[in-house]
Amino acid sequence: DRFEGRSSMRTWLHKIATNACLNALESRSRRPLPI
């Protein structure tokens, strides 16, 4: 209800998703493969 359409829906959703991932990665180490 506060989305004002200043960006596209796609950009808005990716901004939310990217910041959610960045927040999650603050407390997680990288995921390796054995090599």
PDB file of all heavy atoms in Angstrom:
ATOM      1  N   ASP A   1       0.822  -1.216   0.000  1.00  0.00           N
ATOM      2  CA  ASP A   1       0.000   0.000   0.000  1.00  0.00           C
ATOM      3  C   ASP A   1       0.855   1.265   0.000  1.00  0.00           C
ATOM      4  O   ASP A   1       0.371   2.360  -0.280  1.00  0.00           O
ATOM      5  CB  ASP A   1      -0.951   0.020   1.201  1.00  0.00           C
ATOM      6  CG  ASP A   1      -0.223  -0.033   2.536  1.00  0.00           C
ATOM      7  OD1 ASP A   1       0.969  -0.426   2.564  1.00  0.00           O
ATOM      8  OD2 ASP A   1      -0.849   0.300   3.557  1.00  0.00           O
ATOM      9  N   ARG A   2       2.156   1.106   0.299  1.00  0.00           N
ATOM     10  CA  ARG A   2       3.074   2.257   0.278  1.00  0.00           C
ATOM     11  C   ARG A   2       3.949   2.275  -0.973  1.00  0.00           C
ATOM     12  O   ARG A   2       4.803   3.137  -1.124  1.00  0.00           O
ATOM     13  CB  ARG A   2       3.966   2.242   1.529  1.00  0.00           C
ATOM     14  CG  ARG A   2       3.160   2.318   2.829  1.00  0.00           C
ATOM     15  CD  ARG A   2       4.055   2.557   4.035  1.00  0.00           C
ATOM     16  NE  ARG A   2       5.016   1.478   4.250  1.00  0.00           N
ATOM     17  CZ  ARG A   2       4.727   0.350   4.893  1.00  0.00           C
ATOM     18  NH1 ARG A   2       3.504   0.144   5.378  1.00  0.00           N
ATOM     19  NH2 ARG A   2       5.651  -0.586   5.067  1.00  0.00           N
ATOM     20  N   PHE A   3       3.746   1.283  -1.854  1.00  0.00           N
ATOM     21  CA  PHE A   3       4.503   1.242  -3.099  1.00  0.00           C
ATOM     22  C   PHE A   3       3.962   2.318  -4.027  1.00  0.00           C
ATOM     23  O   PHE A   3       2.811   2.296  -4.456  1.00  0.00           O
ATOM     24  CB  PHE A   3       4.368  -0.134  -3.749  1.00  0.00           C
ATOM     25  CG  PHE A   3       5.017  -0.242  -5.105  1.00  0.00           C
ATOM     26  CD1 PHE A   3       6.365   0.050  -5.277  1.00  0.00           C
ATOM     27  CD2 PHE A   3       4.268  -0.622  -6.222  1.00  0.00           C
ATOM     28  CE1 PHE A   3       6.962  -0.053  -6.539  1.00  0.00           C
ATOM     29  CE2 PHE A   3       4.856  -0.730  -7.479  1.00  0.00           C
ATOM     30  CZ  PHE A   3       6.203  -0.439  -7.629  1.00  0.00           C
ATOM     31  N   GLU A   4       4.797   3.278  -4.350  1.00  0.00           N
ATOM     32  CA  GLU A   4       4.347   4.459  -5.095  1.00  0.00           C
ATOM     33  C   GLU A   4       4.650   4.382  -6.580  1.00  0.00           C
ATOM     34  O   GLU A   4       4.385   5.320  -7.331  1.00  0.00           O
ATOM     35  CB  GLU A   4       4.989   5.719  -4.499  1.00  0.00           C
ATOM     36  CG  GLU A   4       4.593   5.942  -3.024  1.00  0.00           C
ATOM     37  CD  GLU A   4       5.329   7.114  -2.414  1.00  0.00           C
ATOM     38  OE1 GLU A   4       6.273   7.631  -3.058  1.00  0.00           O
ATOM     39  OE2 GLU A   4       4.967   7.527  -1.300  1.00  0.00           O
ATOM     40  N   GLY A   5       5.240   3.287  -7.021  1.00  0.00           N
ATOM     41  CA  GLY A   5       5.490   3.127  -8.444  1.00  0.00           C
ATOM     42  C   GLY A   5       6.624   3.976  -8.980  1.00  0.00           C
ATOM     43  O   GLY A   5       6.720   4.196 -10.190  1.00  0.00           O
ATOM     44  N   ARG A   6       7.509   4.473  -8.082  1.00  0.00           N
ATOM     45  CA  ARG A   6       8.649   5.251  -8.576  1.00  0.00           C
ATOM     46  C   ARG A   6       9.633   4.365  -9.332  1.00  0.00           C
ATOM     47  O   ARG A   6      10.404   4.849 -10.144  1.00  0.00           O
ATOM     48  CB  ARG A   6       9.348   5.932  -7.398  1.00  0.00           C
ATOM     49  CG  ARG A   6       8.480   6.999  -6.727  1.00  0.00           C
ATOM     50  CD  ARG A   6       9.196   7.615  -5.544  1.00  0.00           C
ATOM     51  NE  ARG A   6       8.367   8.615  -4.882  1.00  0.00           N
ATOM     52  CZ  ARG A   6       8.699   9.235  -3.749  1.00  0.00           C
ATOM     53  NH1 ARG A   6       9.863   8.941  -3.168  1.00  0.00           N
ATOM     54  NH2 ARG A   6       7.889  10.122  -3.220  1.00  0.00           N
ATOM     55  N   SER A   7       9.630   3.083  -9.014  1.00  0.00           N
ATOM     56  CA  SER A   7      10.401   2.107  -9.782  1.00  0.00           C
ATOM     57  C   SER A   7       9.426   1.048 -10.273  1.00  0.00           C
ATOM     58  O   SER A   7       8.259   1.020  -9.867  1.00  0.00           O
ATOM     59  CB  SER A   7      11.485   1.465  -8.908  1.00  0.00           C
ATOM     60  OG  SER A   7      10.894   0.731  -7.845  1.00  0.00           O
ATOM     61  N   SER A   8       9.903   0.155 -11.121  1.00  0.00           N
ATOM     62  CA  SER A   8       9.039  -0.927 -11.573  1.00  0.00           C
ATOM     63  C   SER A   8       8.837  -1.943 -10.453  1.00  0.00           C
ATOM     64  O   SER A   8       9.617  -2.002  -9.495  1.00  0.00           O
ATOM     65  CB  SER A   8       9.668  -1.619 -12.788  1.00  0.00           C
ATOM     66  OG  SER A   8      10.851  -2.313 -12.399  1.00  0.00           O
ATOM     67  N   MET A   9       7.791  -2.745 -10.581  1.00  0.00           N
ATOM     68  CA  MET A   9       7.555  -3.813  -9.617  1.00  0.00           C
ATOM     69  C   MET A   9       8.768  -4.749  -9.565  1.00  0.00           C
ATOM     70  O   MET A   9       9.184  -5.187  -8.483  1.00  0.00           O
ATOM     71  CB  MET A   9       6.291  -4.595  -9.999  1.00  0.00           C
ATOM     72  CG  MET A   9       6.023  -5.840  -9.169  1.00  0.00           C
ATOM     73  SD  MET A   9       5.645  -5.510  -7.437  1.00  0.00           S
ATOM     74  CE  MET A   9       3.974  -4.859  -7.575  1.00  0.00           C
ATOM     75  N   ARG A  10       9.332  -5.026 -10.723  1.00  0.00           N
ATOM     76  CA  ARG A  10      10.488  -5.927 -10.774  1.00  0.00           C
ATOM     77  C   ARG A  10      11.658  -5.354  -9.977  1.00  0.00           C
ATOM     78  O   ARG A  10      12.297  -6.064  -9.188  1.00  0.00           O
ATOM     79  CB  ARG A  10      10.898  -6.142 -12.239  1.00  0.00           C
ATOM     80  CG  ARG A  10      12.087  -7.071 -12.445  1.00  0.00           C
ATOM     81  CD  ARG A  10      12.289  -7.343 -13.940  1.00  0.00           C
ATOM     82  NE  ARG A  10      13.391  -8.251 -14.175  1.00  0.00           N
ATOM     83  CZ  ARG A  10      14.534  -7.904 -14.765  1.00  0.00           C
ATOM     84  NH1 ARG A  10      14.702  -6.649 -15.190  1.00  0.00           N
ATOM     85  NH2 ARG A  10      15.494  -8.790 -14.959  1.00  0.00           N
ATOM     86  N   THR A  11      11.974  -4.089 -10.180  1.00  0.00           N
ATOM     87  CA  THR A  11      13.076  -3.465  -9.452  1.00  0.00           C
ATOM     88  C   THR A  11      12.803  -3.445  -7.963  1.00  0.00           C
ATOM     89  O   THR A  11      13.691  -3.733  -7.140  1.00  0.00           O
ATOM     90  CB  THR A  11      13.304  -2.035  -9.971  1.00  0.00           C
ATOM     91  OG1 THR A  11      13.625  -2.073 -11.358  1.00  0.00           O
ATOM     92  CG2 THR A  11      14.428  -1.347  -9.211  1.00  0.00           C
ATOM     93  N   TRP A  12      11.585  -3.120  -7.589  1.00  0.00           N
ATOM     94  CA  TRP A  12      11.205  -3.044  -6.168  1.00  0.00           C
ATOM     95  C   TRP A  12      11.368  -4.402  -5.498  1.00  0.00           C
ATOM     96  O   TRP A  12      11.938  -4.516  -4.410  1.00  0.00           O
ATOM     97  CB  TRP A  12       9.766  -2.542  -6.072  1.00  0.00           C
ATOM     98  CG  TRP A  12       9.260  -2.317  -4.684  1.00  0.00           C
ATOM     99  CD1 TRP A  12       9.805  -1.515  -3.726  1.00  0.00           C
ATOM    100  CD2 TRP A  12       8.096  -2.902  -4.097  1.00  0.00           C
ATOM    101  NE1 TRP A  12       9.047  -1.562  -2.577  1.00  0.00           N
ATOM    102  CE2 TRP A  12       7.995  -2.399  -2.779  1.00  0.00           C
ATOM    103  CE3 TRP A  12       7.117  -3.787  -4.568  1.00  0.00           C
ATOM    104  CZ2 TRP A  12       6.957  -2.770  -1.923  1.00  0.00           C
ATOM    105  CZ3 TRP A  12       6.094  -4.150  -3.721  1.00  0.00           C
ATOM    106  CH2 TRP A  12       6.015  -3.648  -2.412  1.00  0.00           C
ATOM    107  N   LEU A  13      10.888  -5.448  -6.140  1.00  0.00           N
ATOM    108  CA  LEU A  13      11.002  -6.791  -5.561  1.00  0.00           C
ATOM    109  C   LEU A  13      12.463  -7.229  -5.457  1.00  0.00           C
ATOM    110  O   LEU A  13      12.875  -7.830  -4.449  1.00  0.00           O
ATOM    111  CB  LEU A  13      10.225  -7.796  -6.411  1.00  0.00           C
ATOM    112  CG  LEU A  13       8.703  -7.701  -6.346  1.00  0.00           C
ATOM    113  CD1 LEU A  13       8.075  -8.626  -7.385  1.00  0.00           C
ATOM    114  CD2 LEU A  13       8.178  -8.039  -4.949  1.00  0.00           C
ATOM    115  N   HIS A  14      13.261  -6.932  -6.481  1.00  0.00           N
ATOM    116  CA  HIS A  14      14.669  -7.319  -6.415  1.00  0.00           C
ATOM    117  C   HIS A  14      15.425  -6.532  -5.359  1.00  0.00           C
ATOM    118  O   HIS A  14      16.368  -7.055  -4.749  1.00  0.00           O
ATOM    119  CB  HIS A  14      15.331  -7.152  -7.788  1.00  0.00           C
ATOM    120  CG  HIS A  14      15.124  -8.335  -8.688  1.00  0.00           C
ATOM    121  ND1 HIS A  14      13.973  -8.513  -9.415  1.00  0.00           N
ATOM    122  CD2 HIS A  14      15.903  -9.417  -8.949  1.00  0.00           C
ATOM    123  CE1 HIS A  14      14.067  -9.638 -10.112  1.00  0.00           C
ATOM    124  NE2 HIS A  14      15.214 -10.202  -9.838  1.00  0.00           N
ATOM    125  N   LYS A  15      15.028  -5.302  -5.128  1.00  0.00           N
ATOM    126  CA  LYS A  15      15.662  -4.533  -4.057  1.00  0.00           C
ATOM    127  C   LYS A  15      15.362  -5.170  -2.705  1.00  0.00           C
ATOM    128  O   LYS A  15      16.261  -5.340  -1.869  1.00  0.00           O
ATOM    129  CB  LYS A  15      15.173  -3.085  -4.077  1.00  0.00           C
ATOM    130  CG  LYS A  15      15.789  -2.233  -2.975  1.00  0.00           C
ATOM    131  CD  LYS A  15      15.392  -0.768  -3.091  1.00  0.00           C
ATOM    132  CE  LYS A  15      16.086   0.052  -2.006  1.00  0.00           C
ATOM    133  NZ  LYS A  15      15.785   1.501  -2.137  1.00  0.00           N
ATOM    134  N   ILE A  16      14.109  -5.554  -2.485  1.00  0.00           N
ATOM    135  CA  ILE A  16      13.746  -6.207  -1.221  1.00  0.00           C
ATOM    136  C   ILE A  16      14.498  -7.524  -1.083  1.00  0.00           C
ATOM    137  O   ILE A  16      15.058  -7.831  -0.017  1.00  0.00           O
ATOM    138  CB  ILE A  16      12.222  -6.433  -1.157  1.00  0.00           C
ATOM    139  CG1 ILE A  16      11.478  -5.095  -1.141  1.00  0.00           C
ATOM    140  CG2 ILE A  16      11.858  -7.258   0.081  1.00  0.00           C
ATOM    141  CD1 ILE A  16       9.973  -5.234  -1.280  1.00  0.00           C
ATOM    142  N   ALA A  17      14.528  -8.312  -2.157  1.00  0.00           N
ATOM    143  CA  ALA A  17      15.186  -9.617  -2.106  1.00  0.00           C
ATOM    144  C   ALA A  17      16.681  -9.471  -1.872  1.00  0.00           C
ATOM    145  O   ALA A  17      17.270 -10.214  -1.069  1.00  0.00           O
ATOM    146  CB  ALA A  17      14.925 -10.375  -3.404  1.00  0.00           C
ATOM    147  N   THR A  18      17.310  -8.526  -2.555  1.00  0.00           N
ATOM    148  CA  THR A  18      18.756  -8.345  -2.409  1.00  0.00           C
ATOM    149  C   THR A  18      19.112  -7.945  -0.996  1.00  0.00           C
ATOM    150  O   THR A  18      20.053  -8.490  -0.393  1.00  0.00           O
ATOM    151  CB  THR A  18      19.271  -7.291  -3.401  1.00  0.00           C
ATOM    152  OG1 THR A  18      18.953  -7.694  -4.733  1.00  0.00           O
ATOM    153  CG2 THR A  18      20.777  -7.118  -3.277  1.00  0.00           C
ATOM    154  N   ASN A  19      18.359  -7.023  -0.426  1.00  0.00           N
ATOM    155  CA  ASN A  19      18.648  -6.593   0.944  1.00  0.00           C
ATOM    156  C   ASN A  19      18.344  -7.688   1.954  1.00  0.00           C
ATOM    157  O   ASN A  19      19.046  -7.820   2.962  1.00  0.00           O
ATOM    158  CB  ASN A  19      17.882  -5.309   1.263  1.00  0.00           C
ATOM    159  CG  ASN A  19      18.528  -4.091   0.620  1.00  0.00           C
ATOM    160  OD1 ASN A  19      19.589  -3.653   1.028  1.00  0.00           O
ATOM    161  ND2 ASN A  19      17.895  -3.554  -0.414  1.00  0.00           N
ATOM    162  N   ALA A  20      17.328  -8.509   1.681  1.00  0.00           N
ATOM    163  CA  ALA A  20      17.061  -9.657   2.562  1.00  0.00           C
ATOM    164  C   ALA A  20      18.232 -10.637   2.518  1.00  0.00           C
ATOM    165  O   ALA A  20      18.645 -11.183   3.550  1.00  0.00           O
ATOM    166  CB  ALA A  20      15.768 -10.352   2.140  1.00  0.00           C
ATOM    167  N   CYS A  21      18.783 -10.859   1.330  1.00  0.00           N
ATOM    168  CA  CYS A  21      19.948 -11.745   1.205  1.00  0.00           C
ATOM    169  C   CYS A  21      21.165 -11.153   1.909  1.00  0.00           C
ATOM    170  O   CYS A  21      21.907 -11.876   2.597  1.00  0.00           O
ATOM    171  CB  CYS A  21      20.271 -11.982  -0.267  1.00  0.00           C
ATOM    172  SG  CYS A  21      19.090 -13.031  -1.138  1.00  0.00           S
ATOM    173  N   LEU A  22      21.397  -9.855   1.735  1.00  0.00           N
ATOM    174  CA  LEU A  22      22.536  -9.221   2.393  1.00  0.00           C
ATOM    175  C   LEU A  22      22.412  -9.313   3.912  1.00  0.00           C
ATOM    176  O   LEU A  22      23.401  -9.573   4.614  1.00  0.00           O
ATOM    177  CB  LEU A  22      22.651  -7.760   1.957  1.00  0.00           C
ATOM    178  CG  LEU A  22      23.080  -7.534   0.499  1.00  0.00           C
ATOM    179  CD1 LEU A  22      22.988  -6.057   0.133  1.00  0.00           C
ATOM    180  CD2 LEU A  22      24.485  -8.053   0.260  1.00  0.00           C
ATOM    181  N   ASN A  23      21.213  -9.136   4.416  1.00  0.00           N
ATOM    182  CA  ASN A  23      21.002  -9.269   5.869  1.00  0.00           C
ATOM    183  C   ASN A  23      21.266 -10.700   6.321  1.00  0.00           C
ATOM    184  O   ASN A  23      21.888 -10.934   7.371  1.00  0.00           O
ATOM    185  CB  ASN A  23      19.575  -8.866   6.235  1.00  0.00           C
ATOM    186  CG  ASN A  23      19.329  -7.380   6.090  1.00  0.00           C
ATOM    187  OD1 ASN A  23      20.267  -6.581   6.130  1.00  0.00           O
ATOM    188  ND2 ASN A  23      18.080  -6.989   5.911  1.00  0.00           N
ATOM    189  N   ALA A  24      20.804 -11.665   5.537  1.00  0.00           N
ATOM    190  CA  ALA A  24      21.009 -13.067   5.894  1.00  0.00           C
ATOM    191  C   ALA A  24      22.490 -13.426   5.887  1.00  0.00           C
ATOM    192  O   ALA A  24      22.962 -14.206   6.723  1.00  0.00           O
ATOM    193  CB  ALA A  24      20.238 -13.969   4.937  1.00  0.00           C
ATOM    194  N   LEU A  25      23.236 -12.867   4.934  1.00  0.00           N
ATOM    195  CA  LEU A  25      24.650 -13.205   4.806  1.00  0.00           C
ATOM    196  C   LEU A  25      25.515 -12.607   5.907  1.00  0.00           C
ATOM    197  O   LEU A  25      26.671 -13.014   6.077  1.00  0.00           O
ATOM    198  CB  LEU A  25      25.169 -12.756   3.441  1.00  0.00           C
ATOM    199  CG  LEU A  25      24.664 -13.589   2.245  1.00  0.00           C
ATOM    200  CD1 LEU A  25      24.992 -12.891   0.933  1.00  0.00           C
ATOM    201  CD2 LEU A  25      25.274 -14.985   2.275  1.00  0.00           C
ATOM    202  N   GLU A  26      24.968 -11.651   6.664  1.00  0.00           N
ATOM    203  CA  GLU A  26      25.730 -11.078   7.774  1.00  0.00           C
ATOM    204  C   GLU A  26      26.073 -12.123   8.824  1.00  0.00           C
ATOM    205  O   GLU A  26      27.090 -12.019   9.507  1.00  0.00           O
ATOM    206  CB  GLU A  26      24.942  -9.931   8.417  1.00  0.00           C
ATOM    207  CG  GLU A  26      24.860  -8.678   7.556  1.00  0.00           C
ATOM    208  CD  GLU A  26      24.056  -7.586   8.226  1.00  0.00           C
ATOM    209  OE1 GLU A  26      23.555  -7.824   9.359  1.00  0.00           O
ATOM    210  OE2 GLU A  26      23.928  -6.504   7.629  1.00  0.00           O
ATOM    211  N   SER A  27      25.218 -13.137   8.951  1.00  0.00           N
ATOM    212  CA  SER A  27      25.425 -14.146   9.995  1.00  0.00           C
ATOM    213  C   SER A  27      25.771 -15.520   9.424  1.00  0.00           C
ATOM    214  O   SER A  27      25.722 -16.520  10.127  1.00  0.00           O
ATOM    215  CB  SER A  27      24.170 -14.261  10.868  1.00  0.00           C
ATOM    216  OG  SER A  27      23.039 -14.607  10.080  1.00  0.00           O
ATOM    217  N   ARG A  28      26.115 -15.582   8.131  1.00  0.00           N
ATOM    218  CA  ARG A  28      26.400 -16.862   7.510  1.00  0.00           C
ATOM    219  C   ARG A  28      27.741 -16.808   6.789  1.00  0.00           C
ATOM    220  O   ARG A  28      28.090 -15.798   6.186  1.00  0.00           O
ATOM    221  CB  ARG A  28      25.306 -17.243   6.496  1.00  0.00           C
ATOM    222  CG  ARG A  28      23.912 -17.271   7.086  1.00  0.00           C
ATOM    223  CD  ARG A  28      22.878 -17.661   6.051  1.00  0.00           C
ATOM    224  NE  ARG A  28      21.538 -17.318   6.496  1.00  0.00           N
ATOM    225  CZ  ARG A  28      20.427 -17.595   5.835  1.00  0.00           C
ATOM    226  NH1 ARG A  28      20.516 -18.240   4.686  1.00  0.00           N
ATOM    227  NH2 ARG A  28      19.241 -17.246   6.301  1.00  0.00           N
ATOM    228  N   SER A  29      28.467 -17.907   6.870  1.00  0.00           N
ATOM    229  CA  SER A  29      29.714 -18.013   6.120  1.00  0.00           C
ATOM    230  C   SER A  29      29.406 -18.438   4.693  1.00  0.00           C
ATOM    231  O   SER A  29      28.308 -18.899   4.395  1.00  0.00           O
ATOM    232  CB  SER A  29      30.646 -19.027   6.785  1.00  0.00           C
ATOM    233  OG  SER A  29      30.010 -20.293   6.867  1.00  0.00           O
ATOM    234  N   ARG A  30      30.390 -18.294   3.810  1.00  0.00           N
ATOM    235  CA  ARG A  30      30.175 -18.687   2.424  1.00  0.00           C
ATOM    236  C   ARG A  30      30.002 -20.193   2.326  1.00  0.00           C
ATOM    237  O   ARG A  30      30.500 -20.948   3.149  1.00  0.00           O
ATOM    238  CB  ARG A  30      31.343 -18.239   1.555  1.00  0.00           C
ATOM    239  CG  ARG A  30      32.653 -18.971   1.816  1.00  0.00           C
ATOM    240  CD  ARG A  30      33.739 -18.482   0.850  1.00  0.00           C
ATOM    241  NE  ARG A  30      35.015 -19.144   1.103  1.00  0.00           N
ATOM    242  CZ  ARG A  30      35.367 -20.291   0.542  1.00  0.00           C
ATOM    243  NH1 ARG A  30      34.548 -20.901  -0.288  1.00  0.00           N
ATOM    244  NH2 ARG A  30      36.544 -20.836   0.804  1.00  0.00           N
ATOM    245  N   ARG A  31      29.297 -20.645   1.299  1.00  0.00           N
ATOM    246  CA  ARG A  31      29.058 -22.073   1.071  1.00  0.00           C
ATOM    247  C   ARG A  31      30.098 -22.591   0.076  1.00  0.00           C
ATOM    248  O   ARG A  31      30.068 -22.220  -1.088  1.00  0.00           O
ATOM    249  CB  ARG A  31      27.644 -22.302   0.526  1.00  0.00           C
ATOM    250  CG  ARG A  31      26.553 -22.127   1.590  1.00  0.00           C
ATOM    251  CD  ARG A  31      25.186 -22.382   1.003  1.00  0.00           C
ATOM    252  NE  ARG A  31      24.158 -22.391   2.033  1.00  0.00           N
ATOM    253  CZ  ARG A  31      23.733 -23.475   2.669  1.00  0.00           C
ATOM    254  NH1 ARG A  31      24.253 -24.650   2.367  1.00  0.00           N
ATOM    255  NH2 ARG A  31      22.790 -23.401   3.590  1.00  0.00           N
ATOM    256  N   PRO A  32      31.000 -23.452   0.515  1.00  0.00           N
ATOM    257  CA  PRO A  32      32.035 -23.956  -0.384  1.00  0.00           C
ATOM    258  C   PRO A  32      31.664 -25.301  -1.001  1.00  0.00           C
ATOM    259  O   PRO A  32      30.674 -25.936  -0.641  1.00  0.00           O
ATOM    260  CB  PRO A  32      33.225 -24.137   0.560  1.00  0.00           C
ATOM    261  CG  PRO A  32      32.555 -24.601   1.845  1.00  0.00           C
ATOM    262  CD  PRO A  32      31.221 -23.870   1.909  1.00  0.00           C
ATOM    263  N   LEU A  33      32.461 -25.727  -1.946  1.00  0.00           N
ATOM    264  CA  LEU A  33      32.565 -27.108  -2.365  1.00  0.00           C
ATOM    265  C   LEU A  33      33.904 -27.630  -1.854  1.00  0.00           C
ATOM    266  O   LEU A  33      34.813 -26.834  -1.562  1.00  0.00           O
ATOM    267  CB  LEU A  33      32.487 -27.223  -3.884  1.00  0.00           C
ATOM    268  CG  LEU A  33      31.096 -26.986  -4.502  1.00  0.00           C
ATOM    269  CD1 LEU A  33      31.204 -26.901  -6.022  1.00  0.00           C
ATOM    270  CD2 LEU A  33      30.126 -28.089  -4.103  1.00  0.00           C
ATOM    271  N   PRO A  34      34.090 -28.932  -1.743  1.00  0.00           N
ATOM    272  CA  PRO A  34      35.355 -29.449  -1.196  1.00  0.00           C
ATOM    273  C   PRO A  34      36.598 -28.914  -1.887  1.00  0.00           C
ATOM    274  O   PRO A  34      37.600 -28.608  -1.227  1.00  0.00           O
ATOM    275  CB  PRO A  34      35.211 -30.966  -1.374  1.00  0.00           C
ATOM    276  CG  PRO A  34      33.741 -31.198  -1.250  1.00  0.00           C
ATOM    277  CD  PRO A  34      33.098 -30.017  -1.917  1.00  0.00           C
ATOM    278  N   ILE A  35      36.552 -28.771  -3.229  1.00  0.00           N
ATOM    279  CA  ILE A  35      37.730 -28.280  -3.940  1.00  0.00           C
ATOM    280  C   ILE A  35      38.064 -26.840  -3.560  1.00  0.00           C
ATOM    281  O   ILE A  35      39.193 -26.389  -3.752  1.00  0.00           O
ATOM    282  CB  ILE A  35      37.528 -28.412  -5.472  1.00  0.00           C
ATOM    283  CG1 ILE A  35      38.856 -28.236  -6.201  1.00  0.00           C
ATOM    284  CG2 ILE A  35      36.470 -27.435  -5.967  1.00  0.00           C
ATOM    285  CD1 ILE A  35      38.792 -28.499  -7.695  1.00  0.00           C
TER     286      ILE A  35
END
